[in-house]
N, C-alpha and C. Protein backbone atom coordinates (compact mmCIF):
# COMPACT_ATOMS: atom_id res chain seq x y z
N MET A 1 0.91 -1.01 0.06
CA MET A 1 -0.26 0.09 -0.03
C MET A 1 0.92 1.01 -0.13
N LYS A 2 0.75 2.04 -0.85
CA LYS A 2 1.87 3.49 -1.10
C LYS A 2 1.30 4.04 -0.07
N LYS A 3 2.41 4.86 0.80
CA LYS A 3 1.98 5.63 1.96
C LYS A 3 1.47 7.08 1.49
N GLU A 4 0.78 7.80 1.76
CA GLU A 4 -0.03 8.88 1.54
C GLU A 4 1.01 10.10 1.94
N ILE A 5 1.52 11.14 0.66
CA ILE A 5 2.27 11.92 1.38
C ILE A 5 1.57 13.29 1.86
N GLU A 6 1.90 13.59 3.28
CA GLU A 6 1.71 14.64 4.14
C GLU A 6 1.79 15.72 2.97
N TRP A 7 0.84 16.97 2.72
CA TRP A 7 1.31 18.25 2.60
C TRP A 7 0.89 19.27 3.41
N TYR A 8 1.85 20.38 3.81
CA TYR A 8 1.23 21.49 4.47
C TYR A 8 2.01 22.43 3.68
N PRO A 9 0.73 23.94 4.08
CA PRO A 9 0.76 25.07 2.93
C PRO A 9 2.40 25.76 4.07
N GLN A 10 2.81 26.44 3.14
CA GLN A 10 3.81 27.18 3.88
C GLN A 10 3.54 27.89 4.65
N PRO A 11 3.89 29.07 5.17
CA PRO A 11 2.99 30.18 5.84
C PRO A 11 2.87 31.37 5.25
N GLN A 12 2.12 31.76 5.44
CA GLN A 12 0.90 33.02 4.86
C GLN A 12 2.42 34.04 4.90
N GLU A 13 2.99 34.20 5.67
CA GLU A 13 4.20 35.56 5.69
C GLU A 13 5.03 35.29 4.56
N TYR A 14 5.59 33.75 4.55
CA TYR A 14 6.46 33.21 3.37
C TYR A 14 6.00 33.36 2.13
N ALA A 15 5.05 33.14 1.81
CA ALA A 15 4.07 33.64 0.35
C ALA A 15 4.24 34.81 0.53
N ILE A 16 3.54 35.57 1.08
CA ILE A 16 3.85 37.25 0.98
C ILE A 16 5.33 37.78 0.75
N GLY A 17 5.96 37.01 1.49
CA GLY A 17 7.64 37.81 1.25
C GLY A 17 7.93 38.58 2.68
N PHE A 18 7.02 39.28 3.47
CA PHE A 18 7.60 39.97 4.21
C PHE A 18 6.68 40.23 5.50
N VAL A 19 6.67 40.64 6.90
CA VAL A 19 5.63 40.53 7.82
C VAL A 19 6.17 42.24 8.62
N GLU A 20 4.92 42.69 8.92
CA GLU A 20 5.26 43.84 10.17
C GLU A 20 5.46 43.68 10.84
N PHE A 21 6.60 44.80 11.90
CA PHE A 21 6.91 44.30 13.00
C PHE A 21 7.21 45.61 13.66
N LEU A 22 6.17 46.03 14.48
CA LEU A 22 6.85 47.41 14.98
C LEU A 22 6.55 48.46 14.07
N GLY A 23 6.16 48.72 13.16
CA GLY A 23 6.07 49.62 11.84
C GLY A 23 7.40 49.27 11.14
N CYS A 24 8.12 48.46 10.81
CA CYS A 24 9.28 47.92 10.01
C CYS A 24 8.45 46.99 9.39
N LYS A 25 8.62 47.08 7.66
CA LYS A 25 8.78 46.37 6.87
C LYS A 25 10.03 45.00 6.93
N ILE A 26 9.63 43.82 7.08
CA ILE A 26 10.87 42.82 7.48
C ILE A 26 10.75 41.84 6.53
N ASP A 27 11.79 41.82 5.56
CA ASP A 27 12.11 40.65 4.75
C ASP A 27 12.25 39.35 5.44
N LEU A 28 11.39 38.50 4.42
CA LEU A 28 11.23 37.20 4.85
C LEU A 28 11.59 36.47 3.67
N SER A 29 12.31 37.00 2.22
CA SER A 29 12.95 36.42 1.36
C SER A 29 13.84 35.09 1.71
N SER A 30 14.50 35.26 2.49
CA SER A 30 15.85 34.12 3.13
C SER A 30 15.19 33.30 4.06
N ARG A 31 14.13 33.24 4.20
CA ARG A 31 13.11 32.23 4.81
C ARG A 31 13.81 32.34 6.69
N PRO A 32 14.09 33.24 7.48
CA PRO A 32 14.24 33.49 8.71
C PRO A 32 13.03 33.05 9.46
N LEU A 33 13.50 32.97 10.66
CA LEU A 33 12.44 32.91 11.90
C LEU A 33 10.91 33.49 11.58
N ILE A 34 9.86 33.68 11.73
CA ILE A 34 9.01 34.69 11.04
C ILE A 34 8.76 34.94 12.91
N PRO A 35 8.63 36.62 12.79
CA PRO A 35 8.62 37.47 13.77
C PRO A 35 7.42 36.75 14.76
N ARG A 36 7.05 36.39 15.67
CA ARG A 36 6.15 36.26 16.52
C ARG A 36 5.37 37.45 17.17
N PRO A 37 3.78 37.57 17.30
CA PRO A 37 3.22 38.63 18.45
C PRO A 37 3.78 38.88 19.61
N GLU A 38 3.84 37.43 19.78
CA GLU A 38 4.54 37.75 21.23
C GLU A 38 6.03 38.52 21.72
N THR A 39 6.55 38.23 20.90
CA THR A 39 8.16 39.13 20.48
C THR A 39 7.69 40.28 20.11
N GLU A 40 6.82 40.52 19.75
CA GLU A 40 6.63 42.39 19.05
C GLU A 40 5.80 43.03 20.38
N PHE A 41 5.45 42.09 21.06
CA PHE A 41 4.91 43.05 22.34
C PHE A 41 5.62 43.43 23.33
N TRP A 42 6.33 42.37 23.59
CA TRP A 42 7.70 42.08 24.72
C TRP A 42 8.71 43.39 23.85
N VAL A 43 8.79 43.62 22.79
CA VAL A 43 9.94 44.28 22.44
C VAL A 43 9.81 45.56 22.02
N GLU A 44 8.16 46.01 22.33
CA GLU A 44 7.56 47.41 22.27
C GLU A 44 7.69 47.66 23.63
N LYS A 45 7.46 47.00 24.63
CA LYS A 45 7.79 47.52 25.93
C LYS A 45 9.49 47.76 26.36
N ALA A 46 10.00 46.67 25.99
CA ALA A 46 11.98 47.13 25.93
C ALA A 46 11.67 48.29 25.63
N ILE A 47 11.62 48.71 24.34
CA ILE A 47 11.73 50.16 23.92
C ILE A 47 11.69 51.14 24.53
N GLU A 48 10.32 50.90 25.50
CA GLU A 48 9.84 52.07 26.11
C GLU A 48 10.70 52.06 27.19
N VAL A 49 10.88 50.97 28.20
CA VAL A 49 12.04 51.06 28.69
C VAL A 49 13.60 51.60 28.83
N ILE A 50 13.62 51.84 27.55
CA ILE A 50 15.01 52.39 27.07
C ILE A 50 14.98 54.03 26.88
N HIS A 51 13.45 54.25 26.06
CA HIS A 51 13.03 55.45 26.30
C HIS A 51 13.10 56.50 27.48
N HIS A 52 12.55 55.43 28.63
CA HIS A 52 12.32 56.22 30.09
C HIS A 52 13.86 55.69 30.34
N ASN A 53 15.11 55.27 30.23
CA ASN A 53 16.43 54.98 30.55
C ASN A 53 17.33 56.13 30.18
N ILE A 54 17.10 56.64 28.79
CA ILE A 54 17.82 57.63 28.12
C ILE A 54 17.08 59.17 28.10
N HIS A 55 16.14 59.19 28.72
CA HIS A 55 15.33 60.25 28.74
C HIS A 55 16.38 61.19 29.39
N GLY A 56 16.72 62.68 28.60
CA GLY A 56 17.59 63.49 28.86
C GLY A 56 18.91 63.55 28.97
N ARG A 57 19.05 62.55 27.80
CA ARG A 57 20.27 62.17 27.26
C ARG A 57 20.98 62.58 26.36
N GLY A 58 20.02 63.77 25.69
CA GLY A 58 20.09 64.26 24.36
C GLY A 58 20.48 63.89 23.37
N LYS A 59 21.83 63.95 22.50
CA LYS A 59 22.48 62.93 21.66
C LYS A 59 23.67 62.05 21.48
N TYR A 60 23.20 61.48 23.06
CA TYR A 60 24.39 60.52 23.46
C TYR A 60 23.78 59.38 22.49
N ASP A 61 24.39 58.28 22.03
CA ASP A 61 24.61 57.10 21.11
C ASP A 61 24.25 56.17 22.24
N VAL A 62 23.01 55.65 22.15
CA VAL A 62 22.23 54.28 22.43
C VAL A 62 22.70 52.93 21.71
N ARG A 63 23.93 52.22 22.31
CA ARG A 63 24.47 50.98 21.77
C ARG A 63 23.75 49.97 22.09
N VAL A 64 23.41 49.30 20.90
CA VAL A 64 22.17 48.23 21.03
C VAL A 64 22.65 46.84 20.68
N LEU A 65 22.96 45.79 20.88
CA LEU A 65 23.04 44.42 20.16
C LEU A 65 21.66 43.51 20.25
N ASP A 66 21.60 43.07 19.20
CA ASP A 66 20.27 42.60 18.82
C ASP A 66 20.83 40.82 18.71
N MET A 67 20.89 40.36 19.64
CA MET A 67 21.69 38.85 19.43
C MET A 67 20.72 38.11 18.93
N PHE A 68 21.12 36.78 18.21
CA PHE A 68 20.00 35.67 17.88
C PHE A 68 18.80 36.26 16.87
N ALA A 69 19.90 37.67 15.91
CA ALA A 69 19.28 38.14 15.28
C ALA A 69 18.21 37.83 14.54
N GLY A 70 18.37 36.71 13.77
CA GLY A 70 17.68 36.43 12.85
C GLY A 70 17.34 36.68 11.68
N SER A 71 15.83 37.42 11.61
CA SER A 71 15.39 38.14 10.61
C SER A 71 15.78 39.86 10.60
N GLY A 72 16.22 40.33 11.84
CA GLY A 72 16.25 41.12 12.38
C GLY A 72 15.59 42.44 13.05
N CYS A 73 14.38 41.62 12.98
CA CYS A 73 12.79 42.27 13.35
C CYS A 73 13.77 43.20 14.66
N ILE A 74 14.10 43.12 15.98
CA ILE A 74 14.34 43.43 16.78
C ILE A 74 15.15 44.56 16.93
N GLY A 75 16.36 44.59 16.39
CA GLY A 75 17.35 46.17 15.88
C GLY A 75 16.63 46.81 14.95
N MET A 76 15.83 46.44 13.82
CA MET A 76 15.17 47.14 13.43
C MET A 76 13.96 47.99 13.89
N ALA A 77 13.34 47.44 14.60
CA ALA A 77 12.12 48.51 15.16
C ALA A 77 12.79 49.10 16.33
N VAL A 78 14.47 48.99 16.81
CA VAL A 78 15.07 49.64 17.94
C VAL A 78 15.19 51.07 16.96
N LEU A 79 16.25 50.54 15.53
CA LEU A 79 16.54 51.88 15.28
C LEU A 79 15.48 52.41 14.78
N LYS A 80 14.13 52.47 14.13
CA LYS A 80 12.90 53.10 14.16
C LYS A 80 12.47 53.54 15.42
N HIS A 81 12.63 53.14 16.35
CA HIS A 81 11.95 53.98 17.44
C HIS A 81 12.84 54.24 18.20
N VAL A 82 13.91 54.23 18.31
CA VAL A 82 14.92 54.89 19.07
C VAL A 82 15.73 55.62 18.48
N LYS A 83 15.86 56.90 19.22
CA LYS A 83 16.84 58.31 18.29
C LYS A 83 18.00 58.23 19.13
N ASN A 84 19.11 58.12 17.91
CA ASN A 84 20.43 57.70 18.21
C ASN A 84 20.86 56.12 18.95
N ALA A 85 20.42 55.29 18.43
CA ALA A 85 20.62 54.23 18.76
C ALA A 85 21.73 53.36 17.55
N LYS A 86 22.89 52.96 18.12
CA LYS A 86 23.13 52.34 17.14
C LYS A 86 23.21 50.81 17.37
N VAL A 87 22.51 50.03 16.22
CA VAL A 87 22.12 48.53 16.78
C VAL A 87 23.44 47.43 15.92
N THR A 88 23.95 46.76 16.35
CA THR A 88 24.68 45.63 16.41
C THR A 88 23.74 44.50 16.23
N PHE A 89 23.82 43.60 15.06
CA PHE A 89 22.82 42.37 14.78
C PHE A 89 23.74 41.45 14.83
N ALA A 90 23.90 39.93 15.64
CA ALA A 90 24.76 39.36 15.76
C ALA A 90 23.98 37.82 15.64
N ASP A 91 24.49 36.69 14.82
CA ASP A 91 23.79 35.71 14.64
C ASP A 91 24.90 34.84 14.23
N LYS A 92 24.63 33.48 14.50
CA LYS A 92 25.30 32.66 13.70
C LYS A 92 25.02 32.44 12.29
N TYR A 93 23.66 32.91 12.10
CA TYR A 93 23.53 32.45 10.74
C TYR A 93 23.00 33.48 9.98
N LYS A 94 23.39 33.96 8.84
CA LYS A 94 23.33 35.37 8.18
C LYS A 94 21.70 35.41 7.51
N TYR A 95 20.75 35.96 7.43
CA TYR A 95 19.65 36.19 6.79
C TYR A 95 19.51 37.59 5.95
N PHE A 96 20.14 38.53 6.33
CA PHE A 96 20.05 39.88 5.83
C PHE A 96 21.04 40.26 5.85
N ASP A 97 21.29 41.48 4.92
CA ASP A 97 22.53 42.34 4.66
C ASP A 97 22.26 43.51 5.70
N SER A 98 23.69 43.99 6.52
CA SER A 98 23.85 45.02 7.02
C SER A 98 25.20 44.90 7.90
N PRO A 99 25.63 46.28 7.28
CA PRO A 99 26.81 46.84 7.62
C PRO A 99 27.37 46.58 9.29
N ASN A 100 26.64 46.47 9.89
CA ASN A 100 26.59 46.16 11.27
C ASN A 100 26.18 44.68 12.01
N PHE A 101 26.67 43.65 10.93
CA PHE A 101 26.06 42.42 10.92
C PHE A 101 27.11 42.02 11.43
N ILE A 102 27.30 40.94 12.73
CA ILE A 102 28.71 39.91 13.02
C ILE A 102 27.82 38.51 13.01
N LYS A 103 28.96 38.01 12.50
CA LYS A 103 28.40 36.56 12.26
C LYS A 103 29.17 35.57 13.62
N SER A 104 28.30 35.45 14.17
CA SER A 104 29.20 34.86 15.53
C SER A 104 28.01 34.01 16.14
N ASP A 105 28.85 32.79 17.20
CA ASP A 105 27.86 31.68 17.82
C ASP A 105 27.89 32.45 19.05
N VAL A 106 26.78 32.94 19.45
CA VAL A 106 26.84 33.36 20.57
C VAL A 106 27.32 34.81 20.35
N PHE A 107 28.11 34.66 21.54
CA PHE A 107 29.45 35.47 22.09
C PHE A 107 30.67 35.61 21.18
N SER A 108 30.98 34.19 20.69
CA SER A 108 32.18 34.03 20.04
C SER A 108 33.06 34.61 19.51
N ASN A 109 32.48 36.29 18.51
CA ASN A 109 33.05 36.94 17.62
C ASN A 109 32.77 38.65 18.14
N ILE A 110 31.99 38.61 19.10
CA ILE A 110 31.78 40.07 20.00
C ILE A 110 32.82 40.29 20.74
N ARG A 111 33.22 41.58 20.40
CA ARG A 111 34.34 42.21 21.63
C ARG A 111 33.71 43.17 22.00
N ASP A 112 32.42 44.01 21.75
CA ASP A 112 31.79 45.55 22.52
C ASP A 112 31.49 45.30 23.97
N LYS A 113 31.25 46.30 24.38
CA LYS A 113 29.99 46.58 25.11
C LYS A 113 28.60 47.15 25.05
N TYR A 114 28.18 47.07 25.42
CA TYR A 114 26.60 47.70 24.99
C TYR A 114 25.61 48.19 26.07
N ASP A 115 24.82 49.31 25.66
CA ASP A 115 23.96 49.55 26.87
C ASP A 115 22.39 48.89 26.68
N PHE A 116 22.27 48.41 25.67
CA PHE A 116 21.26 47.38 26.11
C PHE A 116 21.90 46.00 24.97
N ILE A 117 21.29 45.36 25.48
CA ILE A 117 20.63 43.68 24.72
C ILE A 117 19.99 43.25 24.65
N PHE A 118 19.31 42.76 23.12
CA PHE A 118 17.84 42.08 23.28
C PHE A 118 18.50 40.49 23.15
N ALA A 119 17.98 39.61 23.21
CA ALA A 119 18.03 38.05 23.12
C ALA A 119 16.33 37.66 22.59
N ASN A 120 16.53 36.47 21.76
CA ASN A 120 15.49 36.29 21.42
C ASN A 120 15.79 34.57 21.14
N PRO A 121 16.46 33.91 22.23
CA PRO A 121 17.78 32.32 21.73
C PRO A 121 16.45 31.44 21.48
N PRO A 122 16.96 30.54 20.39
CA PRO A 122 16.17 29.55 20.40
C PRO A 122 16.11 28.42 21.58
N TYR A 123 14.61 28.14 21.70
CA TYR A 123 14.40 27.73 23.36
C TYR A 123 13.18 26.47 23.23
N ILE A 124 12.66 26.18 21.96
CA ILE A 124 11.85 25.34 22.24
C ILE A 124 12.59 23.95 22.64
N PRO A 125 12.54 22.81 23.75
CA PRO A 125 12.85 21.27 23.63
C PRO A 125 12.67 20.68 22.59
N THR A 126 14.03 20.13 22.57
CA THR A 126 14.07 18.89 21.34
C THR A 126 12.90 18.07 21.78
N LYS A 127 12.81 17.79 22.89
CA LYS A 127 12.20 16.67 23.38
C LYS A 127 10.42 17.10 23.20
N ASN A 128 10.04 18.38 22.94
CA ASN A 128 8.51 18.72 22.60
C ASN A 128 8.70 18.88 21.35
N LYS A 129 9.85 18.30 20.33
CA LYS A 129 9.38 18.86 18.41
C LYS A 129 8.20 18.14 18.51
N SER A 130 7.55 17.31 18.86
CA SER A 130 6.19 16.80 18.11
C SER A 130 4.99 17.33 18.31
N LYS A 131 5.05 18.49 19.68
CA LYS A 131 4.00 19.47 19.63
C LYS A 131 4.21 20.40 18.86
N VAL A 132 5.17 20.96 18.09
CA VAL A 132 5.16 21.89 17.32
C VAL A 132 4.89 21.54 15.79
N GLY A 133 4.43 23.16 15.35
CA GLY A 133 2.99 22.72 14.45
C GLY A 133 3.83 21.83 13.41
N LYS A 134 3.43 21.26 12.69
CA LYS A 134 4.11 20.69 10.97
C LYS A 134 4.56 21.57 10.31
N SER A 135 3.95 22.73 10.07
CA SER A 135 4.24 23.71 8.92
C SER A 135 5.26 24.50 9.44
N VAL A 136 5.36 24.95 10.96
CA VAL A 136 6.70 25.31 11.30
C VAL A 136 8.39 24.24 10.73
N LEU A 137 7.82 23.26 11.72
CA LEU A 137 9.03 22.30 11.16
C LEU A 137 9.08 22.16 9.57
N LYS A 138 8.10 21.72 9.05
CA LYS A 138 8.76 21.68 7.41
C LYS A 138 9.15 23.11 6.94
N TYR A 139 8.89 24.54 7.48
CA TYR A 139 9.39 25.35 6.57
C TYR A 139 10.45 26.15 7.07
N GLU A 140 10.24 26.66 8.62
CA GLU A 140 10.85 27.61 9.28
C GLU A 140 12.08 26.55 9.96
N PRO A 141 13.16 27.43 9.87
CA PRO A 141 14.55 27.27 10.30
C PRO A 141 14.78 26.61 12.08
N LYS A 142 14.82 25.06 11.96
CA LYS A 142 15.16 24.41 13.15
C LYS A 142 16.24 25.07 14.28
N THR A 143 17.09 25.59 13.02
CA THR A 143 18.16 25.95 14.30
C THR A 143 17.77 27.24 15.18
N ALA A 144 16.82 28.04 14.44
CA ALA A 144 16.11 29.13 15.38
C ALA A 144 14.90 28.88 16.32
N LEU A 145 15.03 27.30 16.10
CA LEU A 145 13.43 26.91 16.79
C LEU A 145 14.09 26.09 18.16
N PHE A 146 14.91 25.29 18.10
CA PHE A 146 15.31 24.48 19.21
C PHE A 146 17.03 24.60 19.92
N GLY A 147 16.50 24.40 21.39
CA GLY A 147 17.83 25.08 22.25
C GLY A 147 18.34 23.63 23.13
N GLY A 148 18.17 22.56 22.61
CA GLY A 148 18.40 21.41 23.45
C GLY A 148 17.85 21.09 23.88
N PRO A 149 17.74 19.74 24.42
CA PRO A 149 17.01 18.79 25.21
C PRO A 149 15.71 19.65 26.12
N ASP A 150 16.11 20.17 26.85
CA ASP A 150 15.58 21.12 27.89
C ASP A 150 14.71 22.63 27.13
N GLY A 151 15.66 23.01 25.75
CA GLY A 151 15.33 24.20 25.76
C GLY A 151 16.37 25.20 26.54
N LEU A 152 17.39 25.15 27.06
CA LEU A 152 18.23 25.98 27.83
C LEU A 152 19.45 26.32 27.52
N PHE A 153 19.80 25.32 26.22
CA PHE A 153 21.38 25.52 25.95
C PHE A 153 21.85 26.70 25.75
N TYR A 154 21.27 27.61 24.73
CA TYR A 154 21.62 28.94 24.13
C TYR A 154 21.44 30.09 25.09
N ILE A 155 20.11 29.75 25.99
CA ILE A 155 19.83 30.78 27.27
C ILE A 155 20.86 30.55 28.15
N ASP A 156 21.48 29.23 28.72
CA ASP A 156 22.66 29.55 29.35
C ASP A 156 23.87 29.99 28.71
N LYS A 157 23.80 29.43 27.56
CA LYS A 157 25.26 29.81 27.28
C LYS A 157 25.27 31.45 26.83
N PHE A 158 24.17 32.29 26.89
CA PHE A 158 23.89 33.39 26.73
C PHE A 158 23.79 34.43 27.87
N LEU A 159 23.62 33.71 28.92
CA LEU A 159 23.36 34.10 30.03
C LEU A 159 24.93 34.19 30.80
N ARG A 160 25.47 32.94 30.38
CA ARG A 160 26.81 33.01 30.92
C ARG A 160 27.65 33.98 30.61
N GLY A 161 27.69 34.19 29.33
CA GLY A 161 28.72 35.17 28.61
C GLY A 161 28.16 36.57 28.30
N VAL A 162 26.82 37.20 28.40
CA VAL A 162 26.35 38.61 28.32
C VAL A 162 27.12 39.56 29.17
N LYS A 163 27.24 39.25 30.65
CA LYS A 163 27.87 40.43 31.65
C LYS A 163 28.66 41.06 31.14
N LYS A 164 29.94 40.57 30.55
CA LYS A 164 31.09 41.37 30.10
C LYS A 164 30.84 42.20 28.54
N HIS A 165 29.71 42.00 28.22
CA HIS A 165 29.23 42.54 27.27
C HIS A 165 28.18 43.88 27.66
N LEU A 166 28.00 44.24 28.58
CA LEU A 166 27.09 45.15 28.90
C LEU A 166 27.66 46.23 29.64
N ASN A 167 27.57 47.41 29.22
CA ASN A 167 27.85 48.70 30.17
C ASN A 167 27.54 49.01 31.29
N THR A 168 27.83 49.76 32.23
CA THR A 168 27.21 50.19 33.61
C THR A 168 26.13 50.36 33.53
N ASN A 169 24.97 50.46 34.33
CA ASN A 169 23.83 50.70 34.45
C ASN A 169 23.54 50.11 32.91
N GLY A 170 23.83 49.10 32.24
CA GLY A 170 22.88 48.56 31.10
C GLY A 170 21.90 47.77 31.07
N GLN A 171 21.19 46.83 30.16
CA GLN A 171 20.23 46.29 30.90
C GLN A 171 19.85 44.94 29.63
N ILE A 172 19.41 43.98 29.85
CA ILE A 172 19.14 42.72 29.15
C ILE A 172 18.12 42.34 29.48
N PHE A 173 17.30 41.78 27.83
CA PHE A 173 16.35 41.72 27.72
C PHE A 173 16.13 40.52 27.10
N MET A 174 15.48 39.14 27.57
CA MET A 174 15.42 37.84 26.69
C MET A 174 14.38 37.32 26.60
N GLU A 175 13.86 36.73 25.64
CA GLU A 175 12.65 36.09 25.54
C GLU A 175 13.20 34.74 26.05
N PHE A 176 11.99 33.72 26.30
CA PHE A 176 12.20 32.20 26.55
C PHE A 176 10.79 32.14 26.78
N SER A 177 10.32 30.61 26.79
CA SER A 177 9.33 30.08 26.79
C SER A 177 8.49 29.80 28.51
N PRO A 178 7.30 30.16 28.55
CA PRO A 178 6.67 29.91 29.77
C PRO A 178 7.30 29.25 30.82
N GLU A 179 7.00 28.02 30.41
CA GLU A 179 7.60 26.98 31.76
C GLU A 179 8.96 26.94 31.82
N GLN A 180 9.92 28.08 31.06
CA GLN A 180 11.36 27.95 31.73
C GLN A 180 11.16 28.67 32.70
N LYS A 181 10.58 29.63 33.06
CA LYS A 181 10.46 31.09 34.10
C LYS A 181 11.39 30.00 35.45
N THR A 182 11.16 29.32 35.75
CA THR A 182 11.78 28.98 36.92
C THR A 182 13.20 28.60 36.95
N ALA A 183 13.53 27.87 35.97
CA ALA A 183 14.65 27.47 35.23
C ALA A 183 15.73 29.07 34.74
N VAL A 184 15.27 29.98 34.29
CA VAL A 184 15.78 31.19 33.81
C VAL A 184 15.88 31.91 35.20
N GLY A 185 14.99 31.60 35.77
CA GLY A 185 15.54 32.53 37.44
C GLY A 185 16.57 31.69 37.81
N LYS A 186 16.90 30.40 37.91
CA LYS A 186 17.98 29.68 38.90
C LYS A 186 19.10 30.19 38.03
N LEU A 187 19.11 30.28 36.62
CA LEU A 187 20.44 30.60 35.89
C LEU A 187 21.10 32.11 35.88
N THR A 188 19.62 32.86 36.24
CA THR A 188 20.23 34.40 36.57
C THR A 188 20.67 34.51 38.13
N LYS A 189 20.40 33.31 38.79
CA LYS A 189 21.02 33.57 39.70
C LYS A 189 22.66 32.79 40.17
N LYS A 190 22.53 31.66 39.09
CA LYS A 190 23.76 30.93 39.46
C LYS A 190 25.11 31.83 38.55
N TYR A 191 24.63 32.98 37.79
CA TYR A 191 25.77 33.56 36.98
C TYR A 191 26.14 35.08 37.78
N GLY A 192 25.36 35.11 38.93
CA GLY A 192 25.63 36.62 39.54
C GLY A 192 24.82 37.59 39.10
N TYR A 193 23.46 37.53 38.69
CA TYR A 193 22.62 38.59 38.40
C TYR A 193 21.21 38.40 39.14
N LYS A 194 21.40 40.20 40.33
CA LYS A 194 21.22 40.24 41.56
C LYS A 194 19.76 41.05 41.17
N ASN A 195 19.83 41.77 39.81
CA ASN A 195 18.54 42.56 39.91
C ASN A 195 17.61 42.08 38.60
N TYR A 196 16.94 41.86 38.51
CA TYR A 196 16.16 41.25 37.34
C TYR A 196 14.63 41.48 37.69
N GLU A 197 13.86 40.81 36.21
CA GLU A 197 12.46 40.94 36.93
C GLU A 197 12.01 40.37 35.40
N PHE A 198 10.59 39.44 36.02
CA PHE A 198 9.91 38.62 35.05
C PHE A 198 8.79 39.22 34.46
N HIS A 199 8.45 39.09 33.14
CA HIS A 199 7.09 40.00 32.46
C HIS A 199 6.49 39.06 31.96
N LYS A 200 5.19 39.34 31.57
CA LYS A 200 4.12 38.29 30.88
C LYS A 200 3.78 39.24 29.54
N ASP A 201 3.43 38.34 28.84
CA ASP A 201 2.89 38.49 27.05
C ASP A 201 1.46 38.94 27.35
N GLN A 202 0.94 39.32 26.08
CA GLN A 202 -0.43 40.06 25.34
C GLN A 202 -1.30 38.64 25.86
N PHE A 203 -0.75 37.71 26.14
CA PHE A 203 -1.74 36.14 26.69
C PHE A 203 -1.43 35.72 28.16
N ASN A 204 -1.24 36.91 28.67
CA ASN A 204 -0.77 36.37 30.67
C ASN A 204 -0.05 35.13 30.70
N ARG A 205 0.87 35.10 29.45
CA ARG A 205 1.72 34.12 29.91
C ARG A 205 3.28 34.89 30.27
N TRP A 206 4.22 34.07 30.91
CA TRP A 206 5.62 34.92 31.31
C TRP A 206 6.76 34.55 30.17
N ARG A 207 6.60 35.53 29.53
CA ARG A 207 7.59 35.57 28.61
C ARG A 207 8.82 35.75 28.23
N TRP A 208 9.27 37.25 28.93
CA TRP A 208 10.31 37.86 28.83
C TRP A 208 10.83 38.52 30.40
N VAL A 209 12.42 38.19 30.13
CA VAL A 209 12.85 38.79 31.36
C VAL A 209 13.83 40.10 31.12
N SER A 210 13.57 41.10 32.25
CA SER A 210 14.91 42.15 32.09
C SER A 210 15.99 41.81 33.01
N ILE A 211 16.84 42.29 32.96
CA ILE A 211 18.31 42.00 34.26
C ILE A 211 18.95 43.23 33.92
N PHE A 212 19.20 44.10 34.75
CA PHE A 212 19.93 45.07 35.37
C PHE A 212 21.57 44.71 35.57
N ASN A 213 21.90 45.54 35.04
CA ASN A 213 23.54 45.36 35.57
C ASN A 213 23.75 46.19 36.78
């Protein structure tokens, strides 16, 4: 008996070729991870925090790192909405052209320090692969989705190395999966971060953490 081949339509965003993200038109022609509404929500909140923190600084350059940049949506939103922002994009894989892109396996090629560092690491546990949508598995880059058996491989690596790249009074914003909140809290303590706060997304689920230097 011939096995029936399963067919899944490609995501609409890939078919269109771009997606809107905080007023930016994000090119998806190279098939990066499609920006999620949850990410858009917390990035908008983080940008509000940046505005509050830099109020009154005048023409002071705001140095920002978009780690695990993917499509570049986070850094591009910062460039659009934060005056005097100087954004560096970093990722192991390059999905878009920018003179400020650094090809880097987490911090392997990062040398500078920044005022604000954004991170949306791959955090889906590989053990939960069966729970991921079939269309997502077929079309979106797995390297941007999965973060090891428990999903914490890149989160751990990021938190372990980020401190030495953060300026005095700097701040980190990082996305994670809601069920990882306790584990992320333990890692922040393990690596000596004393000032941090967890936040919920628009669906009332724990989604991101802000860490203060």
